[in-house]
C-alpha atoms as a PDB file:
ATOM      1  CA  UNK A   1    -168.708 115.067 -36.629  1.00  0.00           C
ATOM      2  CA  UNK A   2    -168.693 114.201 -33.014  1.00  0.00           C
ATOM      3  CA  UNK A   3    -166.168 116.066 -30.986  1.00  0.00           C
ATOM      4  CA  UNK A   4    -163.446 114.151 -29.132  1.00  0.00           C
ATOM      5  CA  UNK A   5    -163.293 114.826 -25.382  1.00  0.00           C
ATOM      6  CA  UNK A   6    -161.185 117.968 -24.837  1.00  0.00           C
ATOM      7  CA  UNK A   7    -159.064 116.034 -22.294  1.00  0.00           C
ATOM      8  CA  UNK A   8    -157.893 113.337 -24.875  1.00  0.00           C
ATOM      9  CA  UNK A   9    -157.010 115.875 -27.458  1.00  0.00           C
ATOM     10  CA  UNK A  10    -155.066 118.128 -24.860  1.00  0.00           C
ATOM     11  CA  UNK A  11    -153.038 114.991 -23.842  1.00  0.00           C
ATOM     12  CA  UNK A  12    -151.819 114.383 -27.345  1.00  0.00           C
ATOM     13  CA  UNK A  13    -151.464 118.090 -27.899  1.00  0.00           C
ATOM     14  CA  UNK A  14    -149.041 118.120 -24.846  1.00  0.00           C
ATOM     15  CA  UNK A  15    -147.065 115.145 -25.444  1.00  0.00           C
ATOM     16  CA  UNK A  16    -143.502 115.718 -26.610  1.00  0.00           C
ATOM     17  CA  UNK A  17    -142.821 112.027 -27.519  1.00  0.00           C
ATOM     18  CA  UNK A  18    -145.747 110.169 -28.855  1.00  0.00           C
ATOM     19  CA  UNK A  19    -145.499 106.491 -29.981  1.00  0.00           C
ATOM     20  CA  UNK A  20    -148.285 105.014 -32.141  1.00  0.00           C
ATOM     21  CA  UNK A  21    -149.503 101.458 -32.061  1.00  0.00           C
ATOM     22  CA  UNK A  22    -151.913 100.729 -34.933  1.00  0.00           C
ATOM     23  CA  UNK A  23    -153.963  97.666 -35.671  1.00  0.00           C
ATOM     24  CA  UNK A  24    -156.615  96.390 -38.207  1.00  0.00           C
ATOM     25  CA  UNK A  25    -158.972  99.281 -37.377  1.00  0.00           C
ATOM     26  CA  UNK A  26    -156.455 101.831 -38.989  1.00  0.00           C
ATOM     27  CA  UNK A  27    -156.740 100.119 -42.188  1.00  0.00           C
ATOM     28  CA  UNK A  28    -160.477  99.000 -42.410  1.00  0.00           C
ATOM     29  CA  UNK A  29    -161.225 102.727 -43.459  1.00  0.00           C
ATOM     30  CA  UNK A  30    -159.035 102.275 -46.287  1.00  0.00           C
ATOM     31  CA  UNK A  31    -160.968  99.137 -47.304  1.00  0.00           C
ATOM     32  CA  UNK A  32    -158.558  96.454 -45.911  1.00  0.00           C
ATOM     33  CA  UNK A  33    -160.599  93.673 -44.099  1.00  0.00           C
ATOM     34  CA  UNK A  34    -159.876  92.900 -40.383  1.00  0.00           C
ATOM     35  CA  UNK A  35    -159.978  89.446 -38.954  1.00  0.00           C
ATOM     36  CA  UNK A  36    -162.699  89.751 -36.555  1.00  0.00           C
ATOM     37  CA  UNK A  37    -165.713  91.368 -38.314  1.00  0.00           C
ATOM     38  CA  UNK A  38    -168.386  88.829 -38.836  1.00  0.00           C
ATOM     39  CA  UNK A  39    -168.084  87.682 -42.659  1.00  0.00           C
ATOM     40  CA  UNK A  40    -164.543  88.815 -42.996  1.00  0.00           C
ATOM     41  CA  UNK A  41    -163.067  87.286 -46.063  1.00  0.00           C
ATOM     42  CA  UNK A  42    -160.238  86.398 -43.702  1.00  0.00           C
ATOM     43  CA  UNK A  43    -162.491  83.645 -42.491  1.00  0.00           C
ATOM     44  CA  UNK A  44    -162.529  81.912 -45.782  1.00  0.00           C
ATOM     45  CA  UNK A  45    -158.881  82.510 -46.241  1.00  0.00           C
ATOM     46  CA  UNK A  46    -157.126  82.062 -42.904  1.00  0.00           C
ATOM     47  CA  UNK A  47    -153.430  82.226 -43.107  1.00  0.00           C
ATOM     48  CA  UNK A  48    -151.658  78.737 -42.968  1.00  0.00           C
ATOM     49  CA  UNK A  49    -149.844  78.278 -39.743  1.00  0.00           C
ATOM     50  CA  UNK A  50    -146.006  78.399 -40.105  1.00  0.00           C
ATOM     51  CA  UNK A  51    -145.372  74.669 -39.271  1.00  0.00           C
ATOM     52  CA  UNK A  52    -147.672  73.342 -42.090  1.00  0.00           C
ATOM     53  CA  UNK A  53    -146.051  75.952 -44.506  1.00  0.00           C
ATOM     54  CA  UNK A  54    -142.683  74.642 -44.080  1.00  0.00           C
ATOM     55  CA  UNK A  55    -143.559  70.954 -43.802  1.00  0.00           C
ATOM     56  CA  UNK A  56    -146.110  70.543 -46.403  1.00  0.00           C
ATOM     57  CA  UNK A  57    -145.868  71.499 -50.129  1.00  0.00           C
ATOM     58  CA  UNK A  58    -149.803  71.278 -50.463  1.00  0.00           C
ATOM     59  CA  UNK A  59    -150.195  73.857 -47.681  1.00  0.00           C
ATOM     60  CA  UNK A  60    -147.642  75.938 -49.296  1.00  0.00           C
ATOM     61  CA  UNK A  61    -149.730  76.017 -52.416  1.00  0.00           C
ATOM     62  CA  UNK A  62    -152.860  76.790 -50.327  1.00  0.00           C
ATOM     63  CA  UNK A  63    -151.044  79.638 -48.438  1.00  0.00           C
ATOM     64  CA  UNK A  64    -149.947  81.380 -51.642  1.00  0.00           C
ATOM     65  CA  UNK A  65    -153.646  80.866 -53.436  1.00  0.00           C
ATOM     66  CA  UNK A  66    -155.159  82.565 -50.294  1.00  0.00           C
ATOM     67  CA  UNK A  67    -152.503  85.361 -50.043  1.00  0.00           C
ATOM     68  CA  UNK A  68    -153.332  86.120 -53.716  1.00  0.00           C
ATOM     69  CA  UNK A  69    -157.043  85.990 -53.254  1.00  0.00           C
ATOM     70  CA  UNK A  70    -156.779  88.406 -50.289  1.00  0.00           C
ATOM     71  CA  UNK A  71    -154.242  90.848 -52.093  1.00  0.00           C
ATOM     72  CA  UNK A  72    -156.909  91.006 -54.855  1.00  0.00           C
ATOM     73  CA  UNK A  73    -159.758  92.020 -52.348  1.00  0.00           C
ATOM     74  CA  UNK A  74    -157.905  95.125 -51.339  1.00  0.00           C
ATOM     75  CA  UNK A  75    -155.841  95.973 -54.289  1.00  0.00           C
ATOM     76  CA  UNK A  76    -155.594  99.680 -54.581  1.00  0.00           C
ATOM     77  CA  UNK A  77    -156.374 100.498 -51.006  1.00  0.00           C
ATOM     78  CA  UNK A  78    -155.419 103.982 -50.016  1.00  0.00           C
ATOM     79  CA  UNK A  79    -154.019 105.547 -46.852  1.00  0.00           C
ATOM     80  CA  UNK A  80    -156.937 106.813 -44.566  1.00  0.00           C
ATOM     81  CA  UNK A  81    -157.343 109.982 -42.620  1.00  0.00           C
ATOM     82  CA  UNK A  82    -155.719 108.084 -39.600  1.00  0.00           C
ATOM     83  CA  UNK A  83    -152.681 107.286 -41.649  1.00  0.00           C
ATOM     84  CA  UNK A  84    -152.228 110.939 -42.842  1.00  0.00           C
ATOM     85  CA  UNK A  85    -152.810 112.330 -39.524  1.00  0.00           C
ATOM     86  CA  UNK A  86    -149.883 110.222 -38.231  1.00  0.00           C
ATOM     87  CA  UNK A  87    -147.761 111.676 -40.740  1.00  0.00           C
ATOM     88  CA  UNK A  88    -148.880 115.214 -39.588  1.00  0.00           C
ATOM     89  CA  UNK A  89    -147.359 114.201 -36.201  1.00  0.00           C
ATOM     90  CA  UNK A  90    -144.282 113.009 -37.689  1.00  0.00           C
ATOM     91  CA  UNK A  91    -143.519 116.020 -39.795  1.00  0.00           C
ATOM     92  CA  UNK A  92    -144.132 118.155 -36.739  1.00  0.00           C
ATOM     93  CA  UNK A  93    -141.407 116.108 -34.696  1.00  0.00           C
ATOM     94  CA  UNK A  94    -143.935 114.943 -32.165  1.00  0.00           C
ATOM     95  CA  UNK A  95    -144.230 111.163 -33.163  1.00  0.00           C
ATOM     96  CA  UNK A  96    -141.189 109.334 -31.891  1.00  0.00           C
ATOM     97  CA  UNK A  97    -142.091 105.954 -33.687  1.00  0.00           C
ATOM     98  CA  UNK A  98    -144.702 103.885 -35.132  1.00  0.00           C
ATOM     99  CA  UNK A  99    -145.333 100.250 -34.300  1.00  0.00           C
ATOM    100  CA  UNK A 100    -147.840  98.438 -36.275  1.00  0.00           C
ATOM    101  CA  UNK A 101    -149.566  95.099 -36.383  1.00  0.00           C
ATOM    102  CA  UNK A 102    -150.785  95.833 -39.846  1.00  0.00           C
ATOM    103  CA  UNK A 103    -149.061  94.270 -42.846  1.00  0.00           C
ATOM    104  CA  UNK A 104    -150.620  96.355 -45.712  1.00  0.00           C
ATOM    105  CA  UNK A 105    -147.741  98.977 -45.893  1.00  0.00           C
ATOM    106  CA  UNK A 106    -150.189 101.870 -45.847  1.00  0.00           C
ATOM    107  CA  UNK A 107    -148.184 103.827 -43.239  1.00  0.00           C
ATOM    108  CA  UNK A 108    -145.369 104.011 -45.557  1.00  0.00           C
ATOM    109  CA  UNK A 109    -147.722 104.889 -48.497  1.00  0.00           C
ATOM    110  CA  UNK A 110    -149.084 107.551 -46.295  1.00  0.00           C
ATOM    111  CA  UNK A 111    -145.316 109.347 -46.045  1.00  0.00           C
ATOM    112  CA  UNK A 112    -143.945 107.643 -43.105  1.00  0.00           C
ATOM    113  CA  UNK A 113    -140.217 106.676 -43.647  1.00  0.00           C
ATOM    114  CA  UNK A 114    -139.977 102.989 -44.195  1.00  0.00           C
ATOM    115  CA  UNK A 115    -137.248 102.729 -41.339  1.00  0.00           C
ATOM    116  CA  UNK A 116    -139.405 104.348 -38.778  1.00  0.00           C
ATOM    117  CA  UNK A 117    -142.377 101.847 -39.161  1.00  0.00           C
ATOM    118  CA  UNK A 118    -141.863  98.860 -36.892  1.00  0.00           C
ATOM    119  CA  UNK A 119    -143.935  96.000 -38.440  1.00  0.00           C
ATOM    120  CA  UNK A 120    -144.031  93.494 -35.740  1.00  0.00           C
ATOM    121  CA  UNK A 121    -146.284  91.199 -37.977  1.00  0.00           C
ATOM    122  CA  UNK A 122    -144.066  91.607 -40.970  1.00  0.00           C
ATOM    123  CA  UNK A 123    -145.308  93.043 -44.315  1.00  0.00           C
ATOM    124  CA  UNK A 124    -147.518  91.304 -46.899  1.00  0.00           C
ATOM    125  CA  UNK A 125    -146.446  93.617 -49.668  1.00  0.00           C
ATOM    126  CA  UNK A 126    -143.390  91.635 -50.743  1.00  0.00           C
ATOM    127  CA  UNK A 127    -141.929  87.916 -49.685  1.00  0.00           C
ATOM    128  CA  UNK A 128    -138.629  86.884 -48.307  1.00  0.00           C
ATOM    129  CA  UNK A 129    -136.607  83.642 -48.248  1.00  0.00           C
ATOM    130  CA  UNK A 130    -136.854  81.827 -44.994  1.00  0.00           C
ATOM    131  CA  UNK A 131    -133.492  80.650 -45.048  1.00  0.00           C
ATOM    132  CA  UNK A 132    -131.242  83.861 -46.306  1.00  0.00           C
ATOM    133  CA  UNK A 133    -134.078  86.399 -45.880  1.00  0.00           C
ATOM    134  CA  UNK A 134    -133.386  87.602 -49.594  1.00  0.00           C
ATOM    135  CA  UNK A 135    -136.353  89.863 -50.531  1.00  0.00           C
ATOM    136  CA  UNK A 136    -138.658  88.719 -53.369  1.00  0.00           C
ATOM    137  CA  UNK A 137    -141.282  90.796 -55.148  1.00  0.00           C
ATOM    138  CA  UNK A 138    -144.733  89.573 -55.491  1.00  0.00           C
ATOM    139  CA  UNK A 139    -145.241  89.998 -59.229  1.00  0.00           C
ATOM    140  CA  UNK A 140    -142.746  87.397 -60.500  1.00  0.00           C
ATOM    141  CA  UNK A 141    -143.935  84.899 -57.755  1.00  0.00           C
ATOM    142  CA  UNK A 142    -147.383  85.283 -58.638  1.00  0.00           C
ATOM    143  CA  UNK A 143    -146.785  84.801 -62.436  1.00  0.00           C
ATOM    144  CA  UNK A 144    -144.593  81.664 -61.519  1.00  0.00           C
ATOM    145  CA  UNK A 145    -147.391  80.047 -59.128  1.00  0.00           C
ATOM    146  CA  UNK A 146    -150.139  80.661 -61.892  1.00  0.00           C
ATOM    147  CA  UNK A 147    -148.075  79.086 -64.525  1.00  0.00           C
ATOM    148  CA  UNK A 148    -146.576  76.259 -62.371  1.00  0.00           C
ATOM    149  CA  UNK A 149    -148.922  75.824 -59.438  1.00  0.00           C
ATOM    150  CA  UNK A 150    -146.341  76.548 -56.739  1.00  0.00           C
ATOM    151  CA  UNK A 151    -144.081  79.477 -55.881  1.00  0.00           C
ATOM    152  CA  UNK A 152    -140.459  79.529 -57.002  1.00  0.00           C
ATOM    153  CA  UNK A 153    -137.631  78.769 -54.659  1.00  0.00           C
ATOM    154  CA  UNK A 154    -135.457  81.600 -53.570  1.00  0.00           C
ATOM    155  CA  UNK A 155    -132.921  82.728 -56.506  1.00  0.00           C
ATOM    156  CA  UNK A 156    -130.356  83.585 -54.051  1.00  0.00           C
ATOM    157  CA  UNK A 157    -129.967  80.029 -52.131  1.00  0.00           C
ATOM    158  CA  UNK A 158    -132.807  77.862 -53.221  1.00  0.00           C
ATOM    159  CA  UNK A 159    -134.636  78.235 -50.027  1.00  0.00           C
ATOM    160  CA  UNK A 160    -138.423  78.289 -49.253  1.00  0.00           C
ATOM    161  CA  UNK A 161    -140.012  81.816 -50.104  1.00  0.00           C
ATOM    162  CA  UNK A 162    -142.935  82.860 -47.934  1.00  0.00           C
ATOM    163  CA  UNK A 163    -144.974  86.328 -47.790  1.00  0.00           C
ATOM    164  CA  UNK A 164    -143.017  88.366 -45.374  1.00  0.00           C
ATOM    165  CA  UNK A 165    -145.517  88.228 -42.759  1.00  0.00           C
ATOM    166  CA  UNK A 166    -145.391  86.651 -39.355  1.00  0.00           C
ATOM    167  CA  UNK A 167    -147.611  83.478 -39.535  1.00  0.00           C
ATOM    168  CA  UNK A 168    -149.201  81.740 -36.806  1.00  0.00           C
ATOM    169  CA  UNK A 169    -146.630  79.758 -35.020  1.00  0.00           C
ATOM    170  CA  UNK A 170    -143.748  81.678 -36.396  1.00  0.00           C
ATOM    171  CA  UNK A 171    -141.257  83.522 -34.143  1.00  0.00           C
ATOM    172  CA  UNK A 172    -141.834  87.224 -33.737  1.00  0.00           C
ATOM    173  CA  UNK A 173    -139.054  89.267 -35.260  1.00  0.00           C
ATOM    174  CA  UNK A 174    -136.673  89.818 -32.470  1.00  0.00           C
ATOM    175  CA  UNK A 175    -135.178  93.140 -33.791  1.00  0.00           C
ATOM    176  CA  UNK A 176    -138.469  94.704 -34.409  1.00  0.00           C
ATOM    177  CA  UNK A 177    -139.902  93.792 -31.047  1.00  0.00           C
ATOM    178  CA  UNK A 178    -136.625  95.066 -29.233  1.00  0.00           C
ATOM    179  CA  UNK A 179    -137.244  98.385 -31.115  1.00  0.00           C
ATOM    180  CA  UNK A 180    -140.625  98.400 -30.111  1.00  0.00           C
ATOM    181  CA  UNK A 181    -140.181  97.792 -26.535  1.00  0.00           C
ATOM    182  CA  UNK A 182    -137.509 100.422 -26.458  1.00  0.00           C
ATOM    183  CA  UNK A 183    -139.890 103.014 -27.858  1.00  0.00           C
ATOM    184  CA  UNK A 184    -142.809 102.213 -25.561  1.00  0.00           C
ATOM    185  CA  UNK A 185    -139.998 102.545 -22.587  1.00  0.00           C
ATOM    186  CA  UNK A 186    -139.110 105.849 -23.767  1.00  0.00           C
ATOM    187  CA  UNK A 187    -142.431 107.773 -24.751  1.00  0.00           C
ATOM    188  CA  UNK A 188    -144.570 110.230 -22.866  1.00  0.00           C
ATOM    189  CA  UNK A 189    -147.710 109.190 -24.652  1.00  0.00           C
ATOM    190  CA  UNK A 190    -148.628 105.675 -26.096  1.00  0.00           C
ATOM    191  CA  UNK A 191    -151.235 106.199 -28.682  1.00  0.00           C
ATOM    192  CA  UNK A 192    -153.227 102.945 -29.470  1.00  0.00           C
ATOM    193  CA  UNK A 193    -155.388 103.067 -32.628  1.00  0.00           C
ATOM    194  CA  UNK A 194    -157.453 100.510 -34.035  1.00  0.00           C
ATOM    195  CA  UNK A 195    -156.294  97.568 -32.064  1.00  0.00           C
ATOM    196  CA  UNK A 196    -158.259  95.064 -30.117  1.00  0.00           C
ATOM    197  CA  UNK A 197    -155.167  94.501 -27.887  1.00  0.00           C
ATOM    198  CA  UNK A 198    -155.885  90.836 -27.605  1.00  0.00           C
ATOM    199  CA  UNK A 199    -153.017  89.438 -29.634  1.00  0.00           C
ATOM    200  CA  UNK A 200    -149.680  88.885 -27.471  1.00  0.00           C
ATOM    201  CA  UNK A 201    -146.980  89.855 -27.074  1.00  0.00           C
ATOM    202  CA  UNK A 202    -147.885  92.872 -28.865  1.00  0.00           C
ATOM    203  CA  UNK A 203    -150.625  93.871 -26.395  1.00  0.00           C
ATOM    204  CA  UNK A 204    -147.936  93.991 -23.767  1.00  0.00           C
ATOM    205  CA  UNK A 205    -146.443  96.976 -25.246  1.00  0.00           C
ATOM    206  CA  UNK A 206    -149.204  99.566 -24.093  1.00  0.00           C
ATOM    207  CA  UNK A 207    -148.703  98.166 -20.438  1.00  0.00           C
ATOM    208  CA  UNK A 208    -145.028  98.471 -20.772  1.00  0.00           C
ATOM    209  CA  UNK A 209    -145.318 102.030 -21.662  1.00  0.00           C
ATOM    210  CA  UNK A 210    -147.853 102.863 -18.934  1.00  0.00           C
ATOM    211  CA  UNK A 211    -145.556 101.205 -16.319  1.00  0.00           C
ATOM    212  CA  UNK A 212    -142.871 103.356 -17.587  1.00  0.00           C
ATOM    213  CA  UNK A 213    -144.698 106.523 -16.907  1.00  0.00           C
ATOM    214  CA  UNK A 214    -146.298 107.297 -20.241  1.00  0.00           C
ATOM    215  CA  UNK A 215    -149.920 108.315 -20.607  1.00  0.00           C
ATOM    216  CA  UNK A 216    -151.902 105.820 -22.508  1.00  0.00           C
ATOM    217  CA  UNK A 217    -154.681 106.522 -25.002  1.00  0.00           C
ATOM    218  CA  UNK A 218    -156.535 103.929 -26.698  1.00  0.00           C
ATOM    219  CA  UNK A 219    -158.903 104.616 -29.811  1.00  0.00           C
ATOM    220  CA  UNK A 220    -161.001 101.698 -31.305  1.00  0.00           C
ATOM    221  CA  UNK A 221    -164.434 100.893 -32.429  1.00  0.00           C
ATOM    222  CA  UNK A 222    -164.866  98.177 -29.510  1.00  0.00           C
ATOM    223  CA  UNK A 223    -163.721  98.142 -25.902  1.00  0.00           C
ATOM    224  CA  UNK A 224    -160.283  96.574 -25.201  1.00  0.00           C
ATOM    225  CA  UNK A 225    -158.975  94.518 -22.117  1.00  0.00           C
ATOM    226  CA  UNK A 226    -156.620  97.503 -21.582  1.00  0.00           C
ATOM    227  CA  UNK A 227    -159.467 100.172 -21.492  1.00  0.00           C
ATOM    228  CA  UNK A 228    -159.338 100.271 -17.524  1.00  0.00           C
ATOM    229  CA  UNK A 229    -155.834 101.152 -17.653  1.00  0.00           C
ATOM    230  CA  UNK A 230    -155.901 103.879 -20.011  1.00  0.00           C
ATOM    231  CA  UNK A 231    -155.921 107.716 -19.215  1.00  0.00           C
ATOM    232  CA  UNK A 232    -158.206 108.158 -22.146  1.00  0.00           C
ATOM    233  CA  UNK A 233    -160.585 105.968 -24.240  1.00  0.00           C
ATOM    234  CA  UNK A 234    -162.385 106.921 -27.172  1.00  0.00           C
ATOM    235  CA  UNK A 235    -164.624 104.277 -28.959  1.00  0.00           C
ATOM    236  CA  UNK A 236    -165.788 104.987 -32.563  1.00  0.00           C
ATOM    237  CA  UNK A 237    -164.265 105.184 -35.994  1.00  0.00           C
ATOM    238  CA  UNK A 238    -160.552 106.329 -36.442  1.00  0.00           C
ATOM    239  CA  UNK A 239    -160.948 108.855 -39.239  1.00  0.00           C
ATOM    240  CA  UNK A 240    -163.104 111.496 -37.427  1.00  0.00           C
ATOM    241  CA  UNK A 241    -161.115 111.695 -34.244  1.00  0.00           C
ATOM    242  CA  UNK A 242    -157.764 111.533 -36.106  1.00  0.00           C
ATOM    243  CA  UNK A 243    -158.722 114.399 -38.220  1.00  0.00           C
ATOM    244  CA  UNK A 244    -159.114 116.369 -34.898  1.00  0.00           C
ATOM    245  CA  UNK A 245    -155.526 115.192 -33.852  1.00  0.00           C
ATOM    246  CA  UNK A 246    -154.153 116.234 -37.088  1.00  0.00           C
ATOM    247  CA  UNK A 247    -155.631 119.648 -36.817  1.00  0.00           C
ATOM    248  CA  UNK A 248    -153.497 120.191 -33.922  1.00  0.00           C
ATOM    249  CA  UNK A 249    -150.616 117.991 -34.909  1.00  0.00           C
ATOM    250  CA  UNK A 250    -148.028 120.769 -34.889  1.00  0.00           C
ATOM    251  CA  UNK A 251    -148.934 121.886 -31.028  1.00  0.00           C
ATOM    252  CA  UNK A 252    -146.955 121.171 -28.048  1.00  0.00           C
ATOM    253  CA  UNK A 253    -148.352 122.677 -24.646  1.00  0.00           C
ATOM    254  CA  UNK A 254    -146.979 122.401 -21.252  1.00  0.00           C
ATOM    255  CA  UNK A 255    -149.126 120.369 -19.015  1.00  0.00           C
END
């Protein structure tokens, strides 16, 4: 295993309030496909834009078909070493919060408390009514869809039910974004893992953290537009470096 630079590991070991920001690269090692890798199944099953979903019954049917197709592709995915390393930091009292662009629920499956995972792009493991926000489990929705060719209406208010993810053209969740901004402003180290940092407004969070005085660490397989702003950059797989981070997860050292 290639050793991470000592400066990067020292920066993490010396941080009191770490905020992690994770993207698709965190979950690819769990078998969840990302959006940008050539040949990604997302290219054949692109999410339907929000406006089309709301206004067109045929688009809604296609959205659910694509949703269930993608779910089947990574059914049974388990948390990776990266997910587990963040749990180690949390249990040591050094992870102040986690912000994720991912919709797979693997951070919670790894052991992070659900109320401490800020999902700025929503969660694909359940559905919600667009009117009353009542939660709906996917099993009954899929059974109805396969039997009738369309998803059922909300059992609470009769509104449209949609996967609880944020689609293209849909407003970002105001409460989640406000919490994410507050965390970014209050941390002493902002740890980006597996994000290309090209999707806004999410990509503004590392900048905000840096402007507020935090150190910025970026770990990703490919370069990102914010690499020049970072204190430390690591280009490579998430798992190997996060195993090294987890090994020192309980440490705190004065800088």
